[in-house]
Amino acid sequence: MIYSIDVQITAPVNDTEVTERVADAISNLFPEAEVETHPGELLATCHSLDRFSERLHEQAILDTARGAFFSGQEGNTFSFDLKKQAAFRGVVNFAVGGESELGALHVRVRVNDPDVESFIDHIAPETKDGRPIQ
């Protein structure tokens, strides 16, 4: 099945941070993203979550990801936050609870086709005993 999505990633860049390192944090998890620099933040866009999905499978955190995705769902979009320091290392770590001192990568995914639930099932399938259900 072909999926049509628009992904927007925003990240604050604090005075104590190097802009290129924050850009690397985005690129490590979303290598196809085009990153733009704005005063105090980066804005990135892409149309694929393939590499991100691979990391979810490699880290065996599909259930955690599904929970984050569905809890951030509104209509045909879902949003979630990721810790910048982990992303810099190429690791997916969802930011939950209070604000981290460096801020987080905020990811917003708009699913154009087919629907949000099907797309979430595609990138983070349901599991049984920790293994994806086919």
C-alpha atoms as a PDB file:
ATOM      1  CA  MET A   1       0.000   0.000   0.000  1.00  0.00           C
ATOM      2  CA  ILE A   2       1.172   3.522  -0.744  1.00  0.00           C
ATOM      3  CA  TYR A   3       0.956   6.031   2.087  1.00  0.00           C
ATOM      4  CA  SER A   4       0.758   9.789   1.695  1.00  0.00           C
ATOM      5  CA  ILE A   5       1.968  11.750   4.704  1.00  0.00           C
ATOM      6  CA  ASP A   6       3.347  15.157   5.568  1.00  0.00           C
ATOM      7  CA  VAL A   7       5.757  15.247   8.509  1.00  0.00           C
ATOM      8  CA  GLN A   8       6.799  18.433  10.291  1.00  0.00           C
ATOM      9  CA  ILE A   9       9.536  18.409  12.925  1.00  0.00           C
ATOM     10  CA  THR A  10      10.269  21.457  15.066  1.00  0.00           C
ATOM     11  CA  ALA A  11      13.102  21.782  17.528  1.00  0.00           C
ATOM     12  CA  PRO A  12      14.084  24.671  19.773  1.00  0.00           C
ATOM     13  CA  VAL A  13      17.748  25.665  19.599  1.00  0.00           C
ATOM     14  CA  ASN A  14      18.885  27.020  22.936  1.00  0.00           C
ATOM     15  CA  ASP A  15      21.721  29.504  23.345  1.00  0.00           C
ATOM     16  CA  THR A  16      23.854  26.737  24.857  1.00  0.00           C
ATOM     17  CA  GLU A  17      23.377  24.421  21.851  1.00  0.00           C
ATOM     18  CA  VAL A  18      25.125  24.169  18.498  1.00  0.00           C
ATOM     19  CA  THR A  19      22.557  24.451  15.717  1.00  0.00           C
ATOM     20  CA  GLU A  20      24.284  21.805  13.575  1.00  0.00           C
ATOM     21  CA  ARG A  21      24.081  19.249  16.396  1.00  0.00           C
ATOM     22  CA  VAL A  22      20.335  19.821  16.742  1.00  0.00           C
ATOM     23  CA  ALA A  23      20.035  19.436  12.960  1.00  0.00           C
ATOM     24  CA  ASP A  24      21.999  16.176  13.243  1.00  0.00           C
ATOM     25  CA  ALA A  25      19.560  14.952  15.909  1.00  0.00           C
ATOM     26  CA  ILE A  26      16.734  15.439  13.411  1.00  0.00           C
ATOM     27  CA  SER A  27      18.651  13.878  10.515  1.00  0.00           C
ATOM     28  CA  ASN A  28      19.661  10.829  12.537  1.00  0.00           C
ATOM     29  CA  LEU A  29      16.030   9.758  12.926  1.00  0.00           C
ATOM     30  CA  PHE A  30      14.573  11.428   9.834  1.00  0.00           C
ATOM     31  CA  PRO A  31      17.358  11.326   7.203  1.00  0.00           C
ATOM     32  CA  GLU A  32      15.051  12.371   4.381  1.00  0.00           C
ATOM     33  CA  ALA A  33      13.969  15.575   6.179  1.00  0.00           C
ATOM     34  CA  GLU A  34      14.824  18.967   4.752  1.00  0.00           C
ATOM     35  CA  VAL A  35      15.929  21.180   7.643  1.00  0.00           C
ATOM     36  CA  GLU A  36      15.495  24.962   7.713  1.00  0.00           C
ATOM     37  CA  THR A  37      17.118  27.218  10.283  1.00  0.00           C
ATOM     38  CA  HIS A  38      15.005  29.936  11.908  1.00  0.00           C
ATOM     39  CA  PRO A  39      15.899  32.191  14.852  1.00  0.00           C
ATOM     40  CA  GLY A  40      15.820  29.986  17.942  1.00  0.00           C
ATOM     41  CA  GLU A  41      14.472  26.871  16.209  1.00  0.00           C
ATOM     42  CA  LEU A  42      14.787  24.411  13.379  1.00  0.00           C
ATOM     43  CA  LEU A  43      11.922  23.350  11.144  1.00  0.00           C
ATOM     44  CA  ALA A  44      12.159  20.169   9.105  1.00  0.00           C
ATOM     45  CA  THR A  45       9.750  18.511   6.695  1.00  0.00           C
ATOM     46  CA  CYS A  46       9.607  15.129   5.017  1.00  0.00           C
ATOM     47  CA  HIS A  47       7.142  12.641   3.556  1.00  0.00           C
ATOM     48  CA  SER A  48       8.424   9.352   4.941  1.00  0.00           C
ATOM     49  CA  LEU A  49       8.932   7.696   8.306  1.00  0.00           C
ATOM     50  CA  ASP A  50      10.713   4.615   6.956  1.00  0.00           C
ATOM     51  CA  ARG A  51      13.990   5.074   8.892  1.00  0.00           C
ATOM     52  CA  PHE A  52      12.087   6.073  12.017  1.00  0.00           C
ATOM     53  CA  SER A  53       9.979   2.905  11.735  1.00  0.00           C
ATOM     54  CA  GLU A  54      13.151   0.823  11.321  1.00  0.00           C
ATOM     55  CA  ARG A  55      14.509   2.267  14.586  1.00  0.00           C
ATOM     56  CA  LEU A  56      11.238   1.436  16.400  1.00  0.00           C
ATOM     57  CA  HIS A  57      11.569  -2.185  15.246  1.00  0.00           C
ATOM     58  CA  GLU A  58      15.315  -2.370  16.063  1.00  0.00           C
ATOM     59  CA  GLN A  59      14.758  -0.951  19.549  1.00  0.00           C
ATOM     60  CA  ALA A  60      11.697  -3.205  20.078  1.00  0.00           C
ATOM     61  CA  ILE A  61       9.558  -0.292  21.279  1.00  0.00           C
ATOM     62  CA  LEU A  62       6.553  -0.755  19.000  1.00  0.00           C
ATOM     63  CA  ASP A  63       4.003  -0.847  21.848  1.00  0.00           C
ATOM     64  CA  THR A  64       5.451   2.319  23.386  1.00  0.00           C
ATOM     65  CA  ALA A  65       5.379   4.032  20.001  1.00  0.00           C
ATOM     66  CA  ARG A  66       1.762   3.001  19.342  1.00  0.00           C
ATOM     67  CA  GLY A  67       0.762   4.402  22.720  1.00  0.00           C
ATOM     68  CA  ALA A  68       2.489   7.714  21.980  1.00  0.00           C
ATOM     69  CA  PHE A  69       1.006   7.913  18.493  1.00  0.00           C
ATOM     70  CA  PHE A  70      -2.576   7.117  19.483  1.00  0.00           C
ATOM     71  CA  SER A  71      -2.488   9.385  22.544  1.00  0.00           C
ATOM     72  CA  GLY A  72      -1.391  12.252  20.284  1.00  0.00           C
ATOM     73  CA  GLN A  73      -3.979  11.569  17.589  1.00  0.00           C
ATOM     74  CA  GLU A  74      -6.390  14.299  16.502  1.00  0.00           C
ATOM     75  CA  GLY A  75      -8.374  13.662  13.347  1.00  0.00           C
ATOM     76  CA  ASN A  76      -6.012  12.794  10.509  1.00  0.00           C
ATOM     77  CA  THR A  77      -2.883  13.819  12.449  1.00  0.00           C
ATOM     78  CA  PHE A  78      -0.815  12.526  15.328  1.00  0.00           C
ATOM     79  CA  SER A  79       1.942  14.261  17.267  1.00  0.00           C
ATOM     80  CA  PHE A  80       4.665  13.174  19.650  1.00  0.00           C
ATOM     81  CA  ASP A  81       7.841  14.516  21.247  1.00  0.00           C
ATOM     82  CA  LEU A  82      11.317  12.987  21.201  1.00  0.00           C
ATOM     83  CA  LYS A  83      14.311  13.697  23.400  1.00  0.00           C
ATOM     84  CA  LYS A  84      16.972  15.609  21.476  1.00  0.00           C
ATOM     85  CA  GLN A  85      20.000  14.043  23.154  1.00  0.00           C
ATOM     86  CA  ALA A  86      18.817  10.514  22.370  1.00  0.00           C
ATOM     87  CA  ALA A  87      17.965  11.517  18.785  1.00  0.00           C
ATOM     88  CA  PHE A  88      21.496  12.874  18.378  1.00  0.00           C
ATOM     89  CA  ARG A  89      22.703   9.320  19.095  1.00  0.00           C
ATOM     90  CA  GLY A  90      20.141   7.878  16.635  1.00  0.00           C
ATOM     91  CA  VAL A  91      17.982   6.512  19.448  1.00  0.00           C
ATOM     92  CA  VAL A  92      14.215   6.953  19.671  1.00  0.00           C
ATOM     93  CA  ASN A  93      13.253   8.077  23.175  1.00  0.00           C
ATOM     94  CA  PHE A  94       9.791   9.546  23.617  1.00  0.00           C
ATOM     95  CA  ALA A  95       9.631  12.667  25.787  1.00  0.00           C
ATOM     96  CA  VAL A  96       6.755  12.318  28.211  1.00  0.00           C
ATOM     97  CA  GLY A  97       5.833  14.261  31.295  1.00  0.00           C
ATOM     98  CA  GLY A  98       7.654  17.494  32.068  1.00  0.00           C
ATOM     99  CA  GLU A  99       9.751  19.532  29.687  1.00  0.00           C
ATOM    100  CA  SER A 100      13.331  18.423  29.268  1.00  0.00           C
ATOM    101  CA  GLU A 101      15.939  21.085  29.921  1.00  0.00           C
ATOM    102  CA  LEU A 102      16.955  21.192  26.252  1.00  0.00           C
ATOM    103  CA  GLY A 103      13.451  20.955  24.865  1.00  0.00           C
ATOM    104  CA  ALA A 104      12.265  18.211  22.562  1.00  0.00           C
ATOM    105  CA  LEU A 105      11.856  17.449  18.908  1.00  0.00           C
ATOM    106  CA  HIS A 106       8.157  17.913  18.237  1.00  0.00           C
ATOM    107  CA  VAL A 107       6.904  15.706  15.418  1.00  0.00           C
ATOM    108  CA  ARG A 108       3.533  16.213  13.735  1.00  0.00           C
ATOM    109  CA  VAL A 109       2.361  13.728  11.107  1.00  0.00           C
ATOM    110  CA  ARG A 110      -0.591  14.453   8.842  1.00  0.00           C
ATOM    111  CA  VAL A 111      -1.866  11.333   7.095  1.00  0.00           C
ATOM    112  CA  ASN A 112      -3.447  12.138   3.746  1.00  0.00           C
ATOM    113  CA  ASP A 113      -4.045   8.580   2.564  1.00  0.00           C
ATOM    114  CA  PRO A 114      -5.325   6.105   3.634  1.00  0.00           C
ATOM    115  CA  ASP A 115      -6.068   6.852   7.331  1.00  0.00           C
ATOM    116  CA  VAL A 116      -4.199   7.432  10.598  1.00  0.00           C
ATOM    117  CA  GLU A 117      -4.869   4.013  12.123  1.00  0.00           C
ATOM    118  CA  SER A 118      -3.658   2.147   9.021  1.00  0.00           C
ATOM    119  CA  PHE A 119      -0.502   4.245   8.842  1.00  0.00           C
ATOM    120  CA  ILE A 120       0.282   3.713  12.530  1.00  0.00           C
ATOM    121  CA  ASP A 121      -0.245  -0.029  11.997  1.00  0.00           C
ATOM    122  CA  HIS A 122       2.251   0.191   9.127  1.00  0.00           C
ATOM    123  CA  ILE A 123       5.063   1.971  11.001  1.00  0.00           C
ATOM    124  CA  ALA A 124       4.440   0.432  14.444  1.00  0.00           C
ATOM    125  CA  PRO A 125       2.404  -2.764  14.077  1.00  0.00           C
ATOM    126  CA  GLU A 126       0.598  -4.408  16.956  1.00  0.00           C
ATOM    127  CA  THR A 127       2.660  -6.982  18.806  1.00  0.00           C
ATOM    128  CA  LYS A 128       2.133 -10.213  20.673  1.00  0.00           C
ATOM    129  CA  ASP A 129       4.861 -11.334  23.078  1.00  0.00           C
ATOM    130  CA  GLY A 130       6.981  -8.442  21.788  1.00  0.00           C
ATOM    131  CA  ARG A 131       6.822  -9.522  18.132  1.00  0.00           C
ATOM    132  CA  PRO A 132       4.859  -7.777  15.380  1.00  0.00           C
ATOM    133  CA  ILE A 133       1.609  -9.475  14.422  1.00  0.00           C
ATOM    134  CA  GLN A 134       1.414  -9.960  10.658  1.00  0.00           C
END
